[in-house]
PDB file of N, CA and C in Angstrom:
ATOM      1  N   MET A   1      89.560  85.939 121.581  1.00  0.00           N
ATOM      2  CA  MET A   1      90.159  84.665 121.221  1.00  0.00           C
ATOM      3  C   MET A   1      91.159  84.924 120.093  1.00  0.00           C
ATOM      4  N   LYS A   2      92.270  84.204 120.142  1.00  0.00           N
ATOM      5  CA  LYS A   2      93.295  84.304 119.105  1.00  0.00           C
ATOM      6  C   LYS A   2      93.478  82.940 118.452  1.00  0.00           C
ATOM      7  N   PRO A   3      93.905  82.937 117.189  1.00  0.00           N
ATOM      8  CA  PRO A   3      94.170  81.644 116.540  1.00  0.00           C
ATOM      9  C   PRO A   3      95.272  80.882 117.278  1.00  0.00           C
ATOM     10  N   LEU A   4      95.161  79.574 117.255  1.00  0.00           N
ATOM     11  CA  LEU A   4      96.150  78.717 117.897  1.00  0.00           C
ATOM     12  C   LEU A   4      97.294  78.417 116.944  1.00  0.00           C
ATOM     13  N   THR A   5      98.457  78.138 117.513  1.00  0.00           N
ATOM     14  CA  THR A   5      99.568  77.643 116.706  1.00  0.00           C
ATOM     15  C   THR A   5      99.242  76.209 116.290  1.00  0.00           C
ATOM     16  N   ARG A   6     100.002  75.687 115.358  1.00  0.00           N
ATOM     17  CA  ARG A   6      99.777  74.306 114.910  1.00  0.00           C
ATOM     18  C   ARG A   6      99.902  73.327 116.077  1.00  0.00           C
ATOM     19  N   ALA A   7     100.914  73.509 116.920  1.00  0.00           N
ATOM     20  CA  ALA A   7     101.127  72.609 118.063  1.00  0.00           C
ATOM     21  C   ALA A   7      99.985  72.729 119.069  1.00  0.00           C
ATOM     22  N   GLU A   8      99.539  73.955 119.323  1.00  0.00           N
ATOM     23  CA  GLU A   8      98.421  74.158 120.256  1.00  0.00           C
ATOM     24  C   GLU A   8      97.154  73.518 119.709  1.00  0.00           C
ATOM     25  N   GLU A   9      96.923  73.695 118.418  1.00  0.00           N
ATOM     26  CA  GLU A   9      95.719  73.123 117.822  1.00  0.00           C
ATOM     27  C   GLU A   9      95.750  71.594 117.851  1.00  0.00           C
ATOM     28  N   GLU A  10      96.911  71.014 117.642  1.00  0.00           N
ATOM     29  CA  GLU A  10      97.032  69.553 117.706  1.00  0.00           C
ATOM     30  C   GLU A  10      96.638  69.047 119.096  1.00  0.00           C
ATOM     31  N   ILE A  11      97.087  69.729 120.121  1.00  0.00           N
ATOM     32  CA  ILE A  11      96.753  69.325 121.488  1.00  0.00           C
ATOM     33  C   ILE A  11      95.273  69.554 121.771  1.00  0.00           C
ATOM     34  N   MET A  12      94.723  70.667 121.287  1.00  0.00           N
ATOM     35  CA  MET A  12      93.291  70.911 121.487  1.00  0.00           C
ATOM     36  C   MET A  12      92.460  69.846 120.778  1.00  0.00           C
ATOM     37  N   GLN A  13      92.860  69.449 119.574  1.00  0.00           N
ATOM     38  CA  GLN A  13      92.121  68.398 118.859  1.00  0.00           C
ATOM     39  C   GLN A  13      92.073  67.121 119.703  1.00  0.00           C
ATOM     40  N   ILE A  14      93.175  66.806 120.338  1.00  0.00           N
ATOM     41  CA  ILE A  14      93.228  65.617 121.198  1.00  0.00           C
ATOM     42  C   ILE A  14      92.328  65.803 122.413  1.00  0.00           C
ATOM     43  N   LEU A  15      92.412  66.952 123.068  1.00  0.00           N
ATOM     44  CA  LEU A  15      91.567  67.187 124.248  1.00  0.00           C
ATOM     45  C   LEU A  15      90.083  67.188 123.883  1.00  0.00           C
ATOM     46  N   TRP A  16      89.725  67.735 122.734  1.00  0.00           N
ATOM     47  CA  TRP A  16      88.325  67.679 122.306  1.00  0.00           C
ATOM     48  C   TRP A  16      87.894  66.235 122.099  1.00  0.00           C
ATOM     49  N   GLU A  17      88.808  65.411 121.628  1.00  0.00           N
ATOM     50  CA  GLU A  17      88.495  64.000 121.384  1.00  0.00           C
ATOM     51  C   GLU A  17      88.385  63.215 122.695  1.00  0.00           C
ATOM     52  N   ILE A  18      89.367  63.353 123.572  1.00  0.00           N
ATOM     53  CA  ILE A  18      89.374  62.545 124.803  1.00  0.00           C
ATOM     54  C   ILE A  18      88.616  63.211 125.950  1.00  0.00           C
ATOM     55  N   GLU A  19      88.263  64.482 125.793  1.00  0.00           N
ATOM     56  CA  GLU A  19      87.485  65.283 126.737  1.00  0.00           C
ATOM     57  C   GLU A  19      88.252  65.732 127.971  1.00  0.00           C
ATOM     58  N   ARG A  20      89.092  64.912 128.509  1.00  0.00           N
ATOM     59  CA  ARG A  20      89.944  65.301 129.641  1.00  0.00           C
ATOM     60  C   ARG A  20      91.089  64.308 129.746  1.00  0.00           C
ATOM     61  N   GLY A  21      92.229  64.802 130.225  1.00  0.00           N
ATOM     62  CA  GLY A  21      93.353  63.889 130.350  1.00  0.00           C
ATOM     63  C   GLY A  21      94.580  64.553 130.933  1.00  0.00           C
ATOM     64  N   PHE A  22      95.475  63.718 131.394  1.00  0.00           N
ATOM     65  CA  PHE A  22      96.766  64.164 131.909  1.00  0.00           C
ATOM     66  C   PHE A  22      97.712  64.338 130.717  1.00  0.00           C
ATOM     67  N   VAL A  23      98.841  64.978 130.940  1.00  0.00           N
ATOM     68  CA  VAL A  23      99.808  65.184 129.860  1.00  0.00           C
ATOM     69  C   VAL A  23     100.180  63.848 129.223  1.00  0.00           C
ATOM     70  N   LYS A  24     100.350  62.812 130.022  1.00  0.00           N
ATOM     71  CA  LYS A  24     100.715  61.495 129.476  1.00  0.00           C
ATOM     72  C   LYS A  24      99.629  60.956 128.547  1.00  0.00           C
ATOM     73  N   ASP A  25      98.359  61.255 128.829  1.00  0.00           N
ATOM     74  CA  ASP A  25      97.262  60.817 127.963  1.00  0.00           C
ATOM     75  C   ASP A  25      97.289  61.564 126.630  1.00  0.00           C
ATOM     76  N   ILE A  26      97.567  62.851 126.707  1.00  0.00           N
ATOM     77  CA  ILE A  26      97.667  63.668 125.493  1.00  0.00           C
ATOM     78  C   ILE A  26      98.824  63.161 124.646  1.00  0.00           C
ATOM     79  N   LEU A  27      99.947  62.940 125.288  1.00  0.00           N
ATOM     80  CA  LEU A  27     101.143  62.458 124.593  1.00  0.00           C
ATOM     81  C   LEU A  27     100.884  61.104 123.931  1.00  0.00           C
ATOM     82  N   ALA A  28     100.177  60.230 124.621  1.00  0.00           N
ATOM     83  CA  ALA A  28      99.875  58.898 124.078  1.00  0.00           C
ATOM     84  C   ALA A  28      99.006  58.983 122.822  1.00  0.00           C
ATOM     85  N   ALA A  29      98.168  60.002 122.740  1.00  0.00           N
ATOM     86  CA  ALA A  29      97.269  60.152 121.590  1.00  0.00           C
ATOM     87  C   ALA A  29      97.927  60.854 120.401  1.00  0.00           C
ATOM     88  N   MET A  30      99.121  61.377 120.595  1.00  0.00           N
ATOM     89  CA  MET A  30      99.809  62.105 119.524  1.00  0.00           C
ATOM     90  C   MET A  30     100.462  61.135 118.549  1.00  0.00           C
ATOM     91  N   THR A  31     100.615  61.605 117.304  1.00  0.00           N
ATOM     92  CA  THR A  31     101.256  60.783 116.282  1.00  0.00           C
ATOM     93  C   THR A  31     102.772  60.932 116.356  1.00  0.00           C
ATOM     94  N   GLU A  32     103.448  59.970 115.774  1.00  0.00           N
ATOM     95  CA  GLU A  32     104.916  60.011 115.706  1.00  0.00           C
ATOM     96  C   GLU A  32     105.347  61.052 114.683  1.00  0.00           C
ATOM     97  N   PRO A  33     106.436  61.702 114.845  1.00  0.00           N
ATOM     98  CA  PRO A  33     107.300  61.691 116.023  1.00  0.00           C
ATOM     99  C   PRO A  33     106.674  62.521 117.144  1.00  0.00           C
ATOM    100  N   LYS A  34     106.648  61.936 118.323  1.00  0.00           N
ATOM    101  CA  LYS A  34     106.023  62.597 119.468  1.00  0.00           C
ATOM    102  C   LYS A  34     106.996  63.594 120.091  1.00  0.00           C
ATOM    103  N   PRO A  35     106.470  64.744 120.508  1.00  0.00           N
ATOM    104  CA  PRO A  35     107.339  65.706 121.201  1.00  0.00           C
ATOM    105  C   PRO A  35     107.670  65.202 122.600  1.00  0.00           C
ATOM    106  N   ALA A  36     108.590  65.866 123.243  1.00  0.00           N
ATOM    107  CA  ALA A  36     108.960  65.518 124.616  1.00  0.00           C
ATOM    108  C   ALA A  36     107.803  65.825 125.567  1.00  0.00           C
ATOM    109  N   TYR A  37     107.753  65.091 126.656  1.00  0.00           N
ATOM    110  CA  TYR A  37     106.734  65.291 127.688  1.00  0.00           C
ATOM    111  C   TYR A  37     106.699  66.753 128.122  1.00  0.00           C
ATOM    112  N   ASN A  38     107.878  67.332 128.387  1.00  0.00           N
ATOM    113  CA  ASN A  38     107.938  68.725 128.855  1.00  0.00           C
ATOM    114  C   ASN A  38     107.395  69.701 127.821  1.00  0.00           C
ATOM    115  N   THR A  39     107.572  69.402 126.549  1.00  0.00           N
ATOM    116  CA  THR A  39     107.038  70.254 125.486  1.00  0.00           C
ATOM    117  C   THR A  39     105.519  70.267 125.531  1.00  0.00           C
ATOM    118  N   VAL A  40     104.917  69.095 125.647  1.00  0.00           N
ATOM    119  CA  VAL A  40     103.455  68.993 125.727  1.00  0.00           C
ATOM    120  C   VAL A  40     102.956  69.703 126.978  1.00  0.00           C
ATOM    121  N   SER A  41     103.625  69.491 128.090  1.00  0.00           N
ATOM    122  CA  SER A  41     103.249  70.139 129.346  1.00  0.00           C
ATOM    123  C   SER A  41     103.281  71.664 129.206  1.00  0.00           C
ATOM    124  N   THR A  42     104.315  72.181 128.573  1.00  0.00           N
ATOM    125  CA  THR A  42     104.435  73.628 128.370  1.00  0.00           C
ATOM    126  C   THR A  42     103.310  74.154 127.489  1.00  0.00           C
ATOM    127  N   ILE A  43     103.016  73.459 126.404  1.00  0.00           N
ATOM    128  CA  ILE A  43     101.958  73.900 125.490  1.00  0.00           C
ATOM    129  C   ILE A  43     100.604  73.877 126.182  1.00  0.00           C
ATOM    130  N   VAL A  44     100.341  72.869 126.989  1.00  0.00           N
ATOM    131  CA  VAL A  44      99.065  72.791 127.714  1.00  0.00           C
ATOM    132  C   VAL A  44      98.939  73.965 128.686  1.00  0.00           C
ATOM    133  N   ARG A  45     100.031  74.318 129.353  1.00  0.00           N
ATOM    134  CA  ARG A  45      99.990  75.470 130.268  1.00  0.00           C
ATOM    135  C   ARG A  45      99.768  76.778 129.498  1.00  0.00           C
ATOM    136  N   ILE A  46     100.336  76.884 128.307  1.00  0.00           N
ATOM    137  CA  ILE A  46     100.088  78.060 127.459  1.00  0.00           C
ATOM    138  C   ILE A  46      98.610  78.112 127.072  1.00  0.00           C
ATOM    139  N   LEU A  47      98.049  76.974 126.705  1.00  0.00           N
ATOM    140  CA  LEU A  47      96.624  76.909 126.369  1.00  0.00           C
ATOM    141  C   LEU A  47      95.761  77.314 127.560  1.00  0.00           C
ATOM    142  N   GLU A  48      96.214  76.957 128.752  1.00  0.00           N
ATOM    143  CA  GLU A  48      95.479  77.348 129.956  1.00  0.00           C
ATOM    144  C   GLU A  48      95.539  78.866 130.140  1.00  0.00           C
ATOM    145  N   ARG A  49      96.713  79.452 129.950  1.00  0.00           N
ATOM    146  CA  ARG A  49      96.843  80.914 130.061  1.00  0.00           C
ATOM    147  C   ARG A  49      96.003  81.636 129.009  1.00  0.00           C
ATOM    148  N   LYS A  50      95.875  81.040 127.842  1.00  0.00           N
ATOM    149  CA  LYS A  50      95.087  81.639 126.763  1.00  0.00           C
ATOM    150  C   LYS A  50      93.583  81.456 126.966  1.00  0.00           C
ATOM    151  N   GLY A  51      93.194  80.655 127.958  1.00  0.00           N
ATOM    152  CA  GLY A  51      91.780  80.465 128.250  1.00  0.00           C
ATOM    153  C   GLY A  51      91.104  79.350 127.474  1.00  0.00           C
ATOM    154  N   PHE A  52      91.874  78.453 126.885  1.00  0.00           N
ATOM    155  CA  PHE A  52      91.306  77.339 126.132  1.00  0.00           C
ATOM    156  C   PHE A  52      91.135  76.089 126.987  1.00  0.00           C
ATOM    157  N   VAL A  53      91.933  75.984 128.040  1.00  0.00           N
ATOM    158  CA  VAL A  53      92.016  74.764 128.843  1.00  0.00           C
ATOM    159  C   VAL A  53      91.998  75.145 130.315  1.00  0.00           C
ATOM    160  N   SER A  54      91.440  74.253 131.126  1.00  0.00           N
ATOM    161  CA  SER A  54      91.540  74.389 132.580  1.00  0.00           C
ATOM    162  C   SER A  54      92.004  73.038 133.120  1.00  0.00           C
ATOM    163  N   HIS A  55      92.163  72.952 134.432  1.00  0.00           N
ATOM    164  CA  HIS A  55      92.623  71.684 134.992  1.00  0.00           C
ATOM    165  C   HIS A  55      92.016  71.438 136.367  1.00  0.00           C
ATOM    166  N   LYS A  56      92.067  70.178 136.746  1.00  0.00           N
ATOM    167  CA  LYS A  56      91.722  69.754 138.097  1.00  0.00           C
ATOM    168  C   LYS A  56      92.985  69.132 138.674  1.00  0.00           C
ATOM    169  N   SER A  57      93.341  69.549 139.878  1.00  0.00           N
ATOM    170  CA  SER A  57      94.572  69.060 140.505  1.00  0.00           C
ATOM    171  C   SER A  57      94.318  67.804 141.319  1.00  0.00           C
ATOM    172  N   TYR A  58      95.256  66.881 141.211  1.00  0.00           N
ATOM    173  CA  TYR A  58      95.295  65.671 142.027  1.00  0.00           C
ATOM    174  C   TYR A  58      96.700  65.616 142.607  1.00  0.00           C
ATOM    175  N   GLY A  59      96.911  66.279 143.723  1.00  0.00           N
ATOM    176  CA  GLY A  59      98.259  66.398 144.266  1.00  0.00           C
ATOM    177  C   GLY A  59      99.102  67.231 143.325  1.00  0.00           C
ATOM    178  N   LYS A  60     100.197  66.643 142.828  1.00  0.00           N
ATOM    179  CA  LYS A  60     101.061  67.360 141.889  1.00  0.00           C
ATOM    180  C   LYS A  60     100.655  67.140 140.432  1.00  0.00           C
ATOM    181  N   SER A  61      99.698  66.262 140.205  1.00  0.00           N
ATOM    182  CA  SER A  61      99.244  65.980 138.837  1.00  0.00           C
ATOM    183  C   SER A  61      98.063  66.864 138.471  1.00  0.00           C
ATOM    184  N   HIS A  62      97.958  67.167 137.191  1.00  0.00           N
ATOM    185  CA  HIS A  62      96.860  67.981 136.693  1.00  0.00           C
ATOM    186  C   HIS A  62      96.148  67.256 135.560  1.00  0.00           C
ATOM    187  N   GLU A  63      94.832  67.183 135.687  1.00  0.00           N
ATOM    188  CA  GLU A  63      94.012  66.629 134.615  1.00  0.00           C
ATOM    189  C   GLU A  63      93.421  67.811 133.851  1.00  0.00           C
ATOM    190  N   TYR A  64      93.720  67.885 132.565  1.00  0.00           N
ATOM    191  CA  TYR A  64      93.316  69.025 131.747  1.00  0.00           C
ATOM    192  C   TYR A  64      92.046  68.719 130.969  1.00  0.00           C
ATOM    193  N   PHE A  65      91.268  69.768 130.724  1.00  0.00           N
ATOM    194  CA  PHE A  65      90.051  69.637 129.935  1.00  0.00           C
ATOM    195  C   PHE A  65      89.789  70.948 129.199  1.00  0.00           C
ATOM    196  N   PRO A  66      89.187  70.861 128.006  1.00  0.00           N
ATOM    197  CA  PRO A  66      88.928  72.074 127.229  1.00  0.00           C
ATOM    198  C   PRO A  66      87.795  72.892 127.835  1.00  0.00           C
ATOM    199  N   ILE A  67      87.939  74.211 127.800  1.00  0.00           N
ATOM    200  CA  ILE A  67      86.837  75.090 128.209  1.00  0.00           C
ATOM    201  C   ILE A  67      86.322  75.900 127.014  1.00  0.00           C
ATOM    202  N   VAL A  68      87.016  75.792 125.891  1.00  0.00           N
ATOM    203  CA  VAL A  68      86.516  76.313 124.619  1.00  0.00           C
ATOM    204  C   VAL A  68      86.162  75.084 123.787  1.00  0.00           C
ATOM    205  N   SER A  69      84.917  75.019 123.332  1.00  0.00           N
ATOM    206  CA  SER A  69      84.492  73.844 122.564  1.00  0.00           C
ATOM    207  C   SER A  69      85.053  73.892 121.143  1.00  0.00           C
ATOM    208  N   LYS A  70      85.058  72.739 120.525  1.00  0.00           N
ATOM    209  CA  LYS A  70      85.521  72.648 119.142  1.00  0.00           C
ATOM    210  C   LYS A  70      84.640  73.508 118.234  1.00  0.00           C
ATOM    211  N   ASP A  71      83.333  73.504 118.475  1.00  0.00           N
ATOM    212  CA  ASP A  71      82.414  74.321 117.675  1.00  0.00           C
ATOM    213  C   ASP A  71      82.686  75.809 117.842  1.00  0.00           C
ATOM    214  N   GLU A  72      82.973  76.250 119.077  1.00  0.00           N
ATOM    215  CA  GLU A  72      83.294  77.662 119.309  1.00  0.00           C
ATOM    216  C   GLU A  72      84.550  78.060 118.543  1.00  0.00           C
ATOM    217  N   TYR A  73      85.570  77.220 118.600  1.00  0.00           N
ATOM    218  CA  TYR A  73      86.821  77.546 117.916  1.00  0.00           C
ATOM    219  C   TYR A  73      86.639  77.484 116.399  1.00  0.00           C
ATOM    220  N   ARG A  74      85.910  76.500 115.923  1.00  0.00           N
ATOM    221  CA  ARG A  74      85.655  76.381 114.480  1.00  0.00           C
ATOM    222  C   ARG A  74      84.936  77.624 113.963  1.00  0.00           C
ATOM    223  N   THR A  75      83.924  78.094 114.683  1.00  0.00           N
ATOM    224  CA  THR A  75      83.200  79.306 114.300  1.00  0.00           C
ATOM    225  C   THR A  75      84.136  80.504 114.260  1.00  0.00           C
ATOM    226  N   PHE A  76      84.989  80.633 115.266  1.00  0.00           N
ATOM    227  CA  PHE A  76      85.955  81.731 115.318  1.00  0.00           C
ATOM    228  C   PHE A  76      86.884  81.698 114.107  1.00  0.00           C
ATOM    229  N   ILE A  77      87.419  80.524 113.787  1.00  0.00           N
ATOM    230  CA  ILE A  77      88.370  80.394 112.680  1.00  0.00           C
ATOM    231  C   ILE A  77      87.696  80.693 111.341  1.00  0.00           C
ATOM    232  N   ILE A  78      86.483  80.211 111.147  1.00  0.00           N
ATOM    233  CA  ILE A  78      85.778  80.471 109.884  1.00  0.00           C
ATOM    234  C   ILE A  78      85.490  81.957 109.736  1.00  0.00           C
ATOM    235  N   LYS A  79      85.059  82.600 110.823  1.00  0.00           N
ATOM    236  CA  LYS A  79      84.821  84.050 110.766  1.00  0.00           C
ATOM    237  C   LYS A  79      86.113  84.797 110.451  1.00  0.00           C
ATOM    238  N   LYS A  80      87.213  84.372 111.062  1.00  0.00           N
ATOM    239  CA  LYS A  80      88.512  85.004 110.817  1.00  0.00           C
ATOM    240  C   LYS A  80      88.924  84.827 109.351  1.00  0.00           C
ATOM    241  N   MET A  81      88.691  83.645 108.803  1.00  0.00           N
ATOM    242  CA  MET A  81      89.014  83.388 107.405  1.00  0.00           C
ATOM    243  C   MET A  81      88.140  84.247 106.486  1.00  0.00           C
ATOM    244  N   LEU A  82      86.854  84.349 106.807  1.00  0.00           N
ATOM    245  CA  LEU A  82      85.958  85.187 106.008  1.00  0.00           C
ATOM    246  C   LEU A  82      86.418  86.644 106.021  1.00  0.00           C
ATOM    247  N   GLU A  83      86.798  87.143 107.198  1.00  0.00           N
ATOM    248  CA  GLU A  83      87.270  88.526 107.321  1.00  0.00           C
ATOM    249  C   GLU A  83      88.558  88.742 106.527  1.00  0.00           C
ATOM    250  N   GLY A  84      89.495  87.837 106.678  1.00  0.00           N
ATOM    251  CA  GLY A  84      90.822  88.027 106.105  1.00  0.00           C
ATOM    252  C   GLY A  84      90.940  87.753 104.618  1.00  0.00           C
ATOM    253  N   TYR A  85      90.121  86.837 104.101  1.00  0.00           N
ATOM    254  CA  TYR A  85      90.299  86.416 102.715  1.00  0.00           C
ATOM    255  C   TYR A  85      89.088  86.643 101.820  1.00  0.00           C
ATOM    256  N   PHE A  86      87.914  86.844 102.398  1.00  0.00           N
ATOM    257  CA  PHE A  86      86.695  86.910 101.590  1.00  0.00           C
ATOM    258  C   PHE A  86      85.825  88.124 101.914  1.00  0.00           C
ATOM    259  N   GLU A  87      86.424  89.162 102.495  1.00  0.00           N
ATOM    260  CA  GLU A  87      85.739  90.430 102.782  1.00  0.00           C
ATOM    261  C   GLU A  87      84.408  90.224 103.511  1.00  0.00           C
ATOM    262  N   ASN A  88      84.388  89.301 104.453  1.00  0.00           N
ATOM    263  CA  ASN A  88      83.198  88.984 105.253  1.00  0.00           C
ATOM    264  C   ASN A  88      82.018  88.497 104.417  1.00  0.00           C
ATOM    265  N   SER A  89      82.288  87.934 103.268  1.00  0.00           N
ATOM    266  CA  SER A  89      81.219  87.495 102.372  1.00  0.00           C
ATOM    267  C   SER A  89      81.228  85.973 102.241  1.00  0.00           C
ATOM    268  N   PHE A  90      80.169  85.351 102.757  1.00  0.00           N
ATOM    269  CA  PHE A  90      80.038  83.908 102.613  1.00  0.00           C
ATOM    270  C   PHE A  90      79.866  83.549 101.142  1.00  0.00           C
ATOM    271  N   GLY A  91      79.205  84.433 100.398  1.00  0.00           N
ATOM    272  CA  GLY A  91      79.032  84.224  98.961  1.00  0.00           C
ATOM    273  C   GLY A  91      80.363  84.140  98.238  1.00  0.00           C
ATOM    274  N   LYS A  92      81.320  85.004  98.613  1.00  0.00           N
ATOM    275  CA  LYS A  92      82.643  84.965  97.992  1.00  0.00           C
ATOM    276  C   LYS A  92      83.376  83.674  98.356  1.00  0.00           C
ATOM    277  N   LEU A  93      83.158  83.198  99.572  1.00  0.00           N
ATOM    278  CA  LEU A  93      83.770  81.935  99.986  1.00  0.00           C
ATOM    279  C   LEU A  93      83.232  80.781  99.150  1.00  0.00           C
ATOM    280  N   THR A  94      81.919  80.683  99.034  1.00  0.00           N
ATOM    281  CA  THR A  94      81.333  79.581  98.265  1.00  0.00           C
ATOM    282  C   THR A  94      81.690  79.695  96.786  1.00  0.00           C
ATOM    283  N   SER A  95      81.754  80.921  96.272  1.00  0.00           N
ATOM    284  CA  SER A  95      82.155  81.136  94.885  1.00  0.00           C
ATOM    285  C   SER A  95      83.589  80.658  94.662  1.00  0.00           C
ATOM    286  N   PHE A  96      84.449  80.908  95.635  1.00  0.00           N
ATOM    287  CA  PHE A  96      85.834  80.450  95.554  1.00  0.00           C
ATOM    288  C   PHE A  96      85.884  78.935  95.392  1.00  0.00           C
ATOM    289  N   PHE A  97      85.143  78.225  96.230  1.00  0.00           N
ATOM    290  CA  PHE A  97      85.151  76.763  96.154  1.00  0.00           C
ATOM    291  C   PHE A  97      84.520  76.271  94.853  1.00  0.00           C
ATOM    292  N   LYS A  98      83.494  76.961  94.399  1.00  0.00           N
ATOM    293  CA  LYS A  98      82.813  76.564  93.168  1.00  0.00           C
ATOM    294  C   LYS A  98      83.709  76.760  91.948  1.00  0.00           C
ATOM    295  N   ASN A  99      84.471  77.852  91.925  1.00  0.00           N
ATOM    296  CA  ASN A  99      85.249  78.222  90.738  1.00  0.00           C
ATOM    297  C   ASN A  99      86.683  77.712  90.726  1.00  0.00           C
ATOM    298  N   ASP A 100      87.186  77.251  91.840  1.00  0.00           N
ATOM    299  CA  ASP A 100      88.580  76.803  91.880  1.00  0.00           C
ATOM    300  C   ASP A 100      88.678  75.383  91.332  1.00  0.00           C
ATOM    301  N   GLU A 101      89.252  75.261  90.150  1.00  0.00           N
ATOM    302  CA  GLU A 101      89.335  73.961  89.485  1.00  0.00           C
ATOM    303  C   GLU A 101      90.371  73.036  90.104  1.00  0.00           C
ATOM    304  N   THR A 102      91.238  73.567  90.957  1.00  0.00           N
ATOM    305  CA  THR A 102      92.241  72.715  91.603  1.00  0.00           C
ATOM    306  C   THR A 102      91.654  71.933  92.768  1.00  0.00           C
ATOM    307  N   LEU A 103      90.461  72.321  93.207  1.00  0.00           N
ATOM    308  CA  LEU A 103      89.807  71.618  94.310  1.00  0.00           C
ATOM    309  C   LEU A 103      88.949  70.498  93.744  1.00  0.00           C
ATOM    310  N   ASN A 104      89.102  69.321  94.294  1.00  0.00           N
ATOM    311  CA  ASN A 104      88.324  68.169  93.875  1.00  0.00           C
ATOM    312  C   ASN A 104      87.208  67.966  94.888  1.00  0.00           C
ATOM    313  N   THR A 105      85.959  68.160  94.473  1.00  0.00           N
ATOM    314  CA  THR A 105      84.836  68.053  95.410  1.00  0.00           C
ATOM    315  C   THR A 105      84.717  66.662  96.016  1.00  0.00           C
ATOM    316  N   LYS A 106      85.198  65.649  95.325  1.00  0.00           N
ATOM    317  CA  LYS A 106      85.143  64.290  95.870  1.00  0.00           C
ATOM    318  C   LYS A 106      86.001  64.167  97.128  1.00  0.00           C
ATOM    319  N   ASP A 107      87.047  64.992  97.216  1.00  0.00           N
ATOM    320  CA  ASP A 107      87.920  64.972  98.391  1.00  0.00           C
ATOM    321  C   ASP A 107      87.234  65.541  99.624  1.00  0.00           C
ATOM    322  N   TYR A 108      86.161  66.291  99.445  1.00  0.00           N
ATOM    323  CA  TYR A 108      85.525  66.996 100.561  1.00  0.00           C
ATOM    324  C   TYR A 108      84.144  66.461 100.883  1.00  0.00           C
ATOM    325  N   GLN A 109      83.815  65.281 100.410  1.00  0.00           N
ATOM    326  CA  GLN A 109      82.497  64.714 100.698  1.00  0.00           C
ATOM    327  C   GLN A 109      82.562  63.754 101.845  1.00  0.00           C
TER     328      GLN A 109
END
């Protein structure tokens, strides 16, 4: 598994929320400014090639659904962050949050 781009992750967040949908459904759930229909369609096909999404065909239309769960991706990203920034140490991660005075714990409750 590889990390997603910001655009790919935005679409995955929507698919995790709606569980399945056509490109028009994904587009409808996006915030302004919305990308073009073809842009969303292209990103969804990239996600399919990457193994995050599959589809069911209805003639020429495709209904997309996630095949990687949000929990699976979240676990992957946290492990990647631990490897890259905290030397695989959960203790170093928690120490970072405890000692960083710029972080407001009220914002994360």
